[in-house]
PDB file of N, CA and C in Angstrom:
ATOM      1  N   MET A   1     237.883  83.677 -73.138  1.00  0.00           N
ATOM      2  CA  MET A   1     239.038  84.178 -72.427  1.00  0.00           C
ATOM      3  C   MET A   1     240.287  83.878 -73.249  1.00  0.00           C
ATOM      4  N   LYS A   2     241.202  84.800 -73.274  1.00  0.00           N
ATOM      5  CA  LYS A   2     242.412  84.638 -74.076  1.00  0.00           C
ATOM      6  C   LYS A   2     243.383  83.653 -73.422  1.00  0.00           C
ATOM      7  N   ASN A   3     244.238  83.067 -74.258  1.00  0.00           N
ATOM      8  CA  ASN A   3     245.289  82.194 -73.737  1.00  0.00           C
ATOM      9  C   ASN A   3     246.318  83.023 -72.988  1.00  0.00           C
ATOM     10  N   VAL A   4     246.847  82.447 -71.934  1.00  0.00           N
ATOM     11  CA  VAL A   4     247.854  83.132 -71.135  1.00  0.00           C
ATOM     12  C   VAL A   4     249.131  82.313 -71.168  1.00  0.00           C
ATOM     13  N   THR A   5     250.233  82.989 -71.388  1.00  0.00           N
ATOM     14  CA  THR A   5     251.531  82.335 -71.343  1.00  0.00           C
ATOM     15  C   THR A   5     252.249  82.803 -70.095  1.00  0.00           C
ATOM     16  N   LEU A   6     252.580  81.841 -69.255  1.00  0.00           N
ATOM     17  CA  LEU A   6     253.318  82.199 -68.041  1.00  0.00           C
ATOM     18  C   LEU A   6     254.765  82.489 -68.402  1.00  0.00           C
ATOM     19  N   PRO A   7     255.378  83.431 -67.701  1.00  0.00           N
ATOM     20  CA  PRO A   7     256.784  83.716 -67.959  1.00  0.00           C
ATOM     21  C   PRO A   7     257.661  82.530 -67.560  1.00  0.00           C
ATOM     22  N   ILE A   8     258.840  82.482 -68.113  1.00  0.00           N
ATOM     23  CA  ILE A   8     259.792  81.429 -67.764  1.00  0.00           C
ATOM     24  C   ILE A   8     260.200  81.610 -66.299  1.00  0.00           C
ATOM     25  N   ILE A   9     260.207  80.504 -65.569  1.00  0.00           N
ATOM     26  CA  ILE A   9     260.589  80.531 -64.158  1.00  0.00           C
ATOM     27  C   ILE A   9     262.033  80.068 -64.058  1.00  0.00           C
ATOM     28  N   ALA A  10     262.859  80.909 -63.459  1.00  0.00           N
ATOM     29  CA  ALA A  10     264.276  80.584 -63.308  1.00  0.00           C
ATOM     30  C   ALA A  10     264.449  79.388 -62.379  1.00  0.00           C
ATOM     31  N   PRO A  11     265.367  78.487 -62.712  1.00  0.00           N
ATOM     32  CA  PRO A  11     265.631  77.349 -61.832  1.00  0.00           C
ATOM     33  C   PRO A  11     266.458  77.793 -60.627  1.00  0.00           C
ATOM     34  N   PRO A  12     266.527  76.945 -59.599  1.00  0.00           N
ATOM     35  CA  PRO A  12     267.370  77.297 -58.446  1.00  0.00           C
ATOM     36  C   PRO A  12     268.837  77.396 -58.866  1.00  0.00           C
ATOM     37  N   THR A  13     269.591  78.216 -58.164  1.00  0.00           N
ATOM     38  CA  THR A  13     271.001  78.395 -58.504  1.00  0.00           C
ATOM     39  C   THR A  13     271.868  77.267 -57.948  1.00  0.00           C
ATOM     40  N   ARG A  14     271.302  76.481 -57.011  1.00  0.00           N
ATOM     41  CA  ARG A  14     272.036  75.348 -56.437  1.00  0.00           C
ATOM     42  C   ARG A  14     271.150  74.113 -56.469  1.00  0.00           C
ATOM     43  N   ARG A  15     271.762  72.960 -56.503  1.00  0.00           N
ATOM     44  CA  ARG A  15     271.013  71.703 -56.544  1.00  0.00           C
ATOM     45  C   ARG A  15     270.483  71.293 -55.168  1.00  0.00           C
ATOM     46  N   THR A  16     271.151  71.690 -54.111  1.00  0.00           N
ATOM     47  CA  THR A  16     270.735  71.305 -52.765  1.00  0.00           C
ATOM     48  C   THR A  16     270.062  72.477 -52.071  1.00  0.00           C
ATOM     49  N   LYS A  17     269.271  72.165 -51.052  1.00  0.00           N
ATOM     50  CA  LYS A  17     268.589  73.216 -50.289  1.00  0.00           C
ATOM     51  C   LYS A  17     269.627  74.064 -49.566  1.00  0.00           C
ATOM     52  N   TYR A  18     269.389  75.346 -49.531  1.00  0.00           N
ATOM     53  CA  TYR A  18     270.297  76.269 -48.865  1.00  0.00           C
ATOM     54  C   TYR A  18     269.484  77.360 -48.198  1.00  0.00           C
ATOM     55  N   GLU A  19     270.140  78.162 -47.390  1.00  0.00           N
ATOM     56  CA  GLU A  19     269.447  79.121 -46.527  1.00  0.00           C
ATOM     57  C   GLU A  19     268.512  80.063 -47.279  1.00  0.00           C
ATOM     58  N   GLN A  20     268.912  80.554 -48.429  1.00  0.00           N
ATOM     59  CA  GLN A  20     268.099  81.526 -49.170  1.00  0.00           C
ATOM     60  C   GLN A  20     267.244  80.868 -50.261  1.00  0.00           C
ATOM     61  N   SER A  21     267.120  79.549 -50.272  1.00  0.00           N
ATOM     62  CA  SER A  21     266.398  78.909 -51.372  1.00  0.00           C
ATOM     63  C   SER A  21     264.927  79.318 -51.420  1.00  0.00           C
ATOM     64  N   SER A  22     264.302  79.483 -50.261  1.00  0.00           N
ATOM     65  CA  SER A  22     262.900  79.905 -50.250  1.00  0.00           C
ATOM     66  C   SER A  22     262.744  81.317 -50.808  1.00  0.00           C
ATOM     67  N   ASP A  23     263.640  82.212 -50.423  1.00  0.00           N
ATOM     68  CA  ASP A  23     263.596  83.585 -50.951  1.00  0.00           C
ATOM     69  C   ASP A  23     263.823  83.593 -52.458  1.00  0.00           C
ATOM     70  N   GLU A  24     264.773  82.789 -52.914  1.00  0.00           N
ATOM     71  CA  GLU A  24     265.074  82.721 -54.342  1.00  0.00           C
ATOM     72  C   GLU A  24     263.882  82.149 -55.115  1.00  0.00           C
ATOM     73  N   CYS A  25     263.236  81.134 -54.548  1.00  0.00           N
ATOM     74  CA  CYS A  25     262.070  80.540 -55.192  1.00  0.00           C
ATOM     75  C   CYS A  25     260.930  81.557 -55.291  1.00  0.00           C
ATOM     76  N   GLN A  26     260.702  82.304 -54.214  1.00  0.00           N
ATOM     77  CA  GLN A  26     259.656  83.330 -54.244  1.00  0.00           C
ATOM     78  C   GLN A  26     259.919  84.344 -55.345  1.00  0.00           C
ATOM     79  N   GLU A  27     261.153  84.766 -55.463  1.00  0.00           N
ATOM     80  CA  GLU A  27     261.502  85.740 -56.497  1.00  0.00           C
ATOM     81  C   GLU A  27     261.295  85.147 -57.889  1.00  0.00           C
ATOM     82  N   ALA A  28     261.647  83.881 -58.059  1.00  0.00           N
ATOM     83  CA  ALA A  28     261.492  83.223 -59.360  1.00  0.00           C
ATOM     84  C   ALA A  28     260.016  83.082 -59.737  1.00  0.00           C
ATOM     85  N   LEU A  29     259.154  82.876 -58.736  1.00  0.00           N
ATOM     86  CA  LEU A  29     257.730  82.661 -59.000  1.00  0.00           C
ATOM     87  C   LEU A  29     256.907  83.951 -59.066  1.00  0.00           C
ATOM     88  N   ARG A  30     257.459  85.035 -58.568  1.00  0.00           N
ATOM     89  CA  ARG A  30     256.692  86.276 -58.407  1.00  0.00           C
ATOM     90  C   ARG A  30     255.999  86.741 -59.686  1.00  0.00           C
ATOM     91  N   GLU A  31     256.699  86.805 -60.788  1.00  0.00           N
ATOM     92  CA  GLU A  31     256.103  87.301 -62.032  1.00  0.00           C
ATOM     93  C   GLU A  31     255.014  86.351 -62.537  1.00  0.00           C
ATOM     94  N   ALA A  32     255.299  85.049 -62.518  1.00  0.00           N
ATOM     95  CA  ALA A  32     254.308  84.064 -62.973  1.00  0.00           C
ATOM     96  C   ALA A  32     253.081  84.088 -62.068  1.00  0.00           C
ATOM     97  N   PHE A  33     253.302  84.268 -60.785  1.00  0.00           N
ATOM     98  CA  PHE A  33     252.204  84.348 -59.832  1.00  0.00           C
ATOM     99  C   PHE A  33     251.303  85.531 -60.172  1.00  0.00           C
ATOM    100  N   GLY A  34     251.915  86.692 -60.444  1.00  0.00           N
ATOM    101  CA  GLY A  34     251.141  87.876 -60.804  1.00  0.00           C
ATOM    102  C   GLY A  34     250.322  87.665 -62.059  1.00  0.00           C
ATOM    103  N   VAL A  35     250.905  87.012 -63.048  1.00  0.00           N
ATOM    104  CA  VAL A  35     250.187  86.716 -64.301  1.00  0.00           C
ATOM    105  C   VAL A  35     249.019  85.781 -64.008  1.00  0.00           C
ATOM    106  N   PHE A  36     249.257  84.754 -63.179  1.00  0.00           N
ATOM    107  CA  PHE A  36     248.202  83.802 -62.837  1.00  0.00           C
ATOM    108  C   PHE A  36     247.064  84.490 -62.075  1.00  0.00           C
ATOM    109  N   VAL A  37     247.401  85.351 -61.144  1.00  0.00           N
ATOM    110  CA  VAL A  37     246.371  86.088 -60.400  1.00  0.00           C
ATOM    111  C   VAL A  37     245.564  86.957 -61.357  1.00  0.00           C
ATOM    112  N   ASP A  38     246.237  87.645 -62.259  1.00  0.00           N
ATOM    113  CA  ASP A  38     245.529  88.473 -63.251  1.00  0.00           C
ATOM    114  C   ASP A  38     244.583  87.623 -64.097  1.00  0.00           C
ATOM    115  N   TYR A  39     245.018  86.425 -64.473  1.00  0.00           N
ATOM    116  CA  TYR A  39     244.201  85.500 -65.256  1.00  0.00           C
ATOM    117  C   TYR A  39     242.950  85.109 -64.470  1.00  0.00           C
ATOM    118  N   CYS A  40     243.133  84.821 -63.185  1.00  0.00           N
ATOM    119  CA  CYS A  40     241.989  84.440 -62.338  1.00  0.00           C
ATOM    120  C   CYS A  40     241.006  85.597 -62.157  1.00  0.00           C
ATOM    121  N   THR A  41     241.517  86.797 -61.959  1.00  0.00           N
ATOM    122  CA  THR A  41     240.623  87.943 -61.772  1.00  0.00           C
ATOM    123  C   THR A  41     239.931  88.298 -63.090  1.00  0.00           C
ATOM    124  N   ALA A  42     240.617  88.075 -64.214  1.00  0.00           N
ATOM    125  CA  ALA A  42     239.982  88.324 -65.513  1.00  0.00           C
ATOM    126  C   ALA A  42     238.824  87.354 -65.743  1.00  0.00           C
ATOM    127  N   ALA A  43     238.880  86.191 -65.098  1.00  0.00           N
ATOM    128  CA  ALA A  43     237.789  85.213 -65.212  1.00  0.00           C
ATOM    129  C   ALA A  43     236.601  85.598 -64.334  1.00  0.00           C
ATOM    130  N   GLY A  44     236.796  86.622 -63.495  1.00  0.00           N
ATOM    131  CA  GLY A  44     235.690  87.111 -62.685  1.00  0.00           C
ATOM    132  C   GLY A  44     235.847  86.931 -61.188  1.00  0.00           C
ATOM    133  N   TRP A  45     236.919  86.253 -60.747  1.00  0.00           N
ATOM    134  CA  TRP A  45     237.138  86.067 -59.320  1.00  0.00           C
ATOM    135  C   TRP A  45     237.723  87.335 -58.718  1.00  0.00           C
ATOM    136  N   SER A  46     237.331  87.633 -57.498  1.00  0.00           N
ATOM    137  CA  SER A  46     237.875  88.826 -56.838  1.00  0.00           C
ATOM    138  C   SER A  46     239.300  88.545 -56.358  1.00  0.00           C
ATOM    139  N   ASP A  47     240.053  89.610 -56.148  1.00  0.00           N
ATOM    140  CA  ASP A  47     241.408  89.460 -55.614  1.00  0.00           C
ATOM    141  C   ASP A  47     241.391  88.700 -54.290  1.00  0.00           C
ATOM    142  N   ASP A  48     240.409  89.012 -53.436  1.00  0.00           N
ATOM    143  CA  ASP A  48     240.303  88.328 -52.144  1.00  0.00           C
ATOM    144  C   ASP A  48     240.036  86.839 -52.326  1.00  0.00           C
ATOM    145  N   ASP A  49     239.095  86.500 -53.212  1.00  0.00           N
ATOM    146  CA  ASP A  49     238.793  85.086 -53.468  1.00  0.00           C
ATOM    147  C   ASP A  49     240.031  84.334 -53.954  1.00  0.00           C
ATOM    148  N   VAL A  50     240.749  84.950 -54.879  1.00  0.00           N
ATOM    149  CA  VAL A  50     241.940  84.313 -55.438  1.00  0.00           C
ATOM    150  C   VAL A  50     243.004  84.139 -54.355  1.00  0.00           C
ATOM    151  N   ALA A  51     243.230  85.181 -53.570  1.00  0.00           N
ATOM    152  CA  ALA A  51     244.250  85.109 -52.519  1.00  0.00           C
ATOM    153  C   ALA A  51     243.919  84.017 -51.505  1.00  0.00           C
ATOM    154  N   ILE A  52     242.684  83.976 -51.060  1.00  0.00           N
ATOM    155  CA  ILE A  52     242.276  82.967 -50.077  1.00  0.00           C
ATOM    156  C   ILE A  52     242.379  81.564 -50.664  1.00  0.00           C
ATOM    157  N   ALA A  53     241.926  81.388 -51.900  1.00  0.00           N
ATOM    158  CA  ALA A  53     241.992  80.073 -52.542  1.00  0.00           C
ATOM    159  C   ALA A  53     243.438  79.613 -52.698  1.00  0.00           C
ATOM    160  N   LEU A  54     244.308  80.508 -53.115  1.00  0.00           N
ATOM    161  CA  LEU A  54     245.709  80.129 -53.303  1.00  0.00           C
ATOM    162  C   LEU A  54     246.385  79.788 -51.976  1.00  0.00           C
ATOM    163  N   ILE A  55     246.059  80.521 -50.932  1.00  0.00           N
ATOM    164  CA  ILE A  55     246.599  80.208 -49.603  1.00  0.00           C
ATOM    165  C   ILE A  55     246.121  78.828 -49.165  1.00  0.00           C
ATOM    166  N   GLN A  56     244.834  78.546 -49.357  1.00  0.00           N
ATOM    167  CA  GLN A  56     244.297  77.249 -48.945  1.00  0.00           C
ATOM    168  C   GLN A  56     244.902  76.107 -49.767  1.00  0.00           C
ATOM    169  N   ILE A  57     245.060  76.320 -51.054  1.00  0.00           N
ATOM    170  CA  ILE A  57     245.664  75.292 -51.898  1.00  0.00           C
ATOM    171  C   ILE A  57     247.125  75.066 -51.495  1.00  0.00           C
ATOM    172  N   ALA A  58     247.848  76.147 -51.237  1.00  0.00           N
ATOM    173  CA  ALA A  58     249.244  76.024 -50.807  1.00  0.00           C
ATOM    174  C   ALA A  58     249.333  75.302 -49.463  1.00  0.00           C
ATOM    175  N   ASP A  59     248.406  75.610 -48.553  1.00  0.00           N
ATOM    176  CA  ASP A  59     248.386  74.941 -47.253  1.00  0.00           C
ATOM    177  C   ASP A  59     248.117  73.443 -47.411  1.00  0.00           C
ATOM    178  N   GLU A  60     247.165  73.098 -48.265  1.00  0.00           N
ATOM    179  CA  GLU A  60     246.869  71.680 -48.526  1.00  0.00           C
ATOM    180  C   GLU A  60     248.099  70.974 -49.111  1.00  0.00           C
ATOM    181  N   HIS A  61     248.785  71.654 -50.004  1.00  0.00           N
ATOM    182  CA  HIS A  61     249.980  71.078 -50.614  1.00  0.00           C
ATOM    183  C   HIS A  61     251.065  70.851 -49.556  1.00  0.00           C
ATOM    184  N   LEU A  62     251.266  71.843 -48.697  1.00  0.00           N
ATOM    185  CA  LEU A  62     252.263  71.723 -47.645  1.00  0.00           C
ATOM    186  C   LEU A  62     251.915  70.590 -46.684  1.00  0.00           C
ATOM    187  N   CYS A  63     250.648  70.472 -46.339  1.00  0.00           N
ATOM    188  CA  CYS A  63     250.202  69.380 -45.461  1.00  0.00           C
ATOM    189  C   CYS A  63     250.426  68.025 -46.127  1.00  0.00           C
ATOM    190  N   SER A  64     250.151  67.925 -47.420  1.00  0.00           N
ATOM    191  CA  SER A  64     250.359  66.645 -48.102  1.00  0.00           C
ATOM    192  C   SER A  64     251.842  66.300 -48.164  1.00  0.00           C
ATOM    193  N   LEU A  65     252.703  67.300 -48.305  1.00  0.00           N
ATOM    194  CA  LEU A  65     254.139  67.045 -48.273  1.00  0.00           C
ATOM    195  C   LEU A  65     254.574  66.536 -46.901  1.00  0.00           C
ATOM    196  N   ALA A  66     254.012  67.130 -45.855  1.00  0.00           N
ATOM    197  CA  ALA A  66     254.340  66.698 -44.492  1.00  0.00           C
ATOM    198  C   ALA A  66     253.861  65.269 -44.254  1.00  0.00           C
ATOM    199  N   ILE A  67     252.670  64.963 -44.731  1.00  0.00           N
ATOM    200  CA  ILE A  67     252.137  63.599 -44.576  1.00  0.00           C
ATOM    201  C   ILE A  67     253.019  62.612 -45.333  1.00  0.00           C
ATOM    202  N   LEU A  68     253.406  62.959 -46.549  1.00  0.00           N
ATOM    203  CA  LEU A  68     254.273  62.080 -47.332  1.00  0.00           C
ATOM    204  C   LEU A  68     255.632  61.900 -46.660  1.00  0.00           C
ATOM    205  N   ALA A  69     256.161  62.969 -46.083  1.00  0.00           N
ATOM    206  CA  ALA A  69     257.452  62.875 -45.392  1.00  0.00           C
ATOM    207  C   ALA A  69     257.330  61.952 -44.191  1.00  0.00           C
ATOM    208  N   ASP A  70     256.252  62.091 -43.414  1.00  0.00           N
ATOM    209  CA  ASP A  70     256.026  61.211 -42.266  1.00  0.00           C
ATOM    210  C   ASP A  70     255.852  59.776 -42.730  1.00  0.00           C
ATOM    211  N   PHE A  71     255.098  59.584 -43.807  1.00  0.00           N
ATOM    212  CA  PHE A  71     254.866  58.244 -44.339  1.00  0.00           C
ATOM    213  C   PHE A  71     256.183  57.623 -44.804  1.00  0.00           C
ATOM    214  N   SER A  72     257.003  58.422 -45.480  1.00  0.00           N
ATOM    215  CA  SER A  72     258.297  57.931 -45.953  1.00  0.00           C
ATOM    216  C   SER A  72     259.178  57.510 -44.791  1.00  0.00           C
ATOM    217  N   ALA A  73     259.146  58.287 -43.714  1.00  0.00           N
ATOM    218  CA  ALA A  73     259.946  57.942 -42.537  1.00  0.00           C
ATOM    219  C   ALA A  73     259.480  56.621 -41.951  1.00  0.00           C
ATOM    220  N   VAL A  74     258.173  56.409 -41.900  1.00  0.00           N
ATOM    221  CA  VAL A  74     257.624  55.161 -41.374  1.00  0.00           C
ATOM    222  C   VAL A  74     258.008  53.996 -42.279  1.00  0.00           C
ATOM    223  N   VAL A  75     257.881  54.202 -43.590  1.00  0.00           N
ATOM    224  CA  VAL A  75     258.231  53.149 -44.541  1.00  0.00           C
ATOM    225  C   VAL A  75     259.719  52.822 -44.427  1.00  0.00           C
ATOM    226  N   ASP A  76     260.559  53.849 -44.343  1.00  0.00           N
ATOM    227  CA  ASP A  76     262.000  53.621 -44.221  1.00  0.00           C
ATOM    228  C   ASP A  76     262.323  52.839 -42.948  1.00  0.00           C
ATOM    229  N   GLN A  77     261.665  53.192 -41.839  1.00  0.00           N
ATOM    230  CA  GLN A  77     261.904  52.493 -40.575  1.00  0.00           C
ATOM    231  C   GLN A  77     261.430  51.052 -40.672  1.00  0.00           C
ATOM    232  N   THR A  78     260.257  50.855 -41.266  1.00  0.00           N
ATOM    233  CA  THR A  78     259.716  49.507 -41.404  1.00  0.00           C
ATOM    234  C   THR A  78     260.597  48.680 -42.316  1.00  0.00           C
ATOM    235  N   THR A  79     261.009  49.245 -43.427  1.00  0.00           N
ATOM    236  CA  THR A  79     261.859  48.526 -44.372  1.00  0.00           C
ATOM    237  C   THR A  79     263.179  48.156 -43.709  1.00  0.00           C
ATOM    238  N   GLY A  80     263.743  49.095 -42.959  1.00  0.00           N
ATOM    239  CA  GLY A  80     264.997  48.823 -42.255  1.00  0.00           C
ATOM    240  C   GLY A  80     264.837  47.694 -41.256  1.00  0.00           C
ATOM    241  N   ALA A  81     263.726  47.714 -40.521  1.00  0.00           N
ATOM    242  CA  ALA A  81     263.464  46.657 -39.543  1.00  0.00           C
ATOM    243  C   ALA A  81     263.258  45.320 -40.240  1.00  0.00           C
ATOM    244  N   GLU A  82     262.535  45.345 -41.347  1.00  0.00           N
ATOM    245  CA  GLU A  82     262.287  44.121 -42.087  1.00  0.00           C
ATOM    246  C   GLU A  82     263.588  43.550 -42.658  1.00  0.00           C
ATOM    247  N   LEU A  83     264.454  44.440 -43.152  1.00  0.00           N
ATOM    248  CA  LEU A  83     265.714  43.980 -43.724  1.00  0.00           C
ATOM    249  C   LEU A  83     266.641  43.422 -42.646  1.00  0.00           C
ATOM    250  N   ALA A  84     266.538  43.948 -41.433  1.00  0.00           N
ATOM    251  CA  ALA A  84     267.386  43.481 -40.339  1.00  0.00           C
ATOM    252  C   ALA A  84     267.099  42.044 -39.982  1.00  0.00           C
ATOM    253  N   LYS A  85     265.893  41.550 -40.279  1.00  0.00           N
ATOM    254  CA  LYS A  85     265.516  40.165 -39.992  1.00  0.00           C
ATOM    255  C   LYS A  85     266.295  39.191 -40.857  1.00  0.00           C
ATOM    256  N   PHE A  86     266.729  39.655 -42.043  1.00  0.00           N
ATOM    257  CA  PHE A  86     267.364  38.739 -42.984  1.00  0.00           C
ATOM    258  C   PHE A  86     268.831  38.692 -42.746  1.00  0.00           C
TER     259      PHE A  86
END
C-alpha cells in the first residue's frame, strides 16, 4: 500500500472555545478525513465498515473525555477539601 500524506489541518481561529468552534473544526478536518477514509477503503474495508468503526472510535473518545472531566472535577473537589484542612 502506498504512503498517504494527510493534508495540513488549519488551526482554530481563536484560542478559546466559541459558538462556531465545532463547525470550524469539522471544516478543518473534512479533507483529511476524506483522505483517511479513502486510505482505509483502499486497504479493503468497506465504506460502511469504516464509517461504523470511526463512529465507535469517536464515541469511545468522547466517553473517555467525559470520564476524565468527571474525574478531574472529583480530584479538584478532593484537593480543595484537603487544602482547606491546612
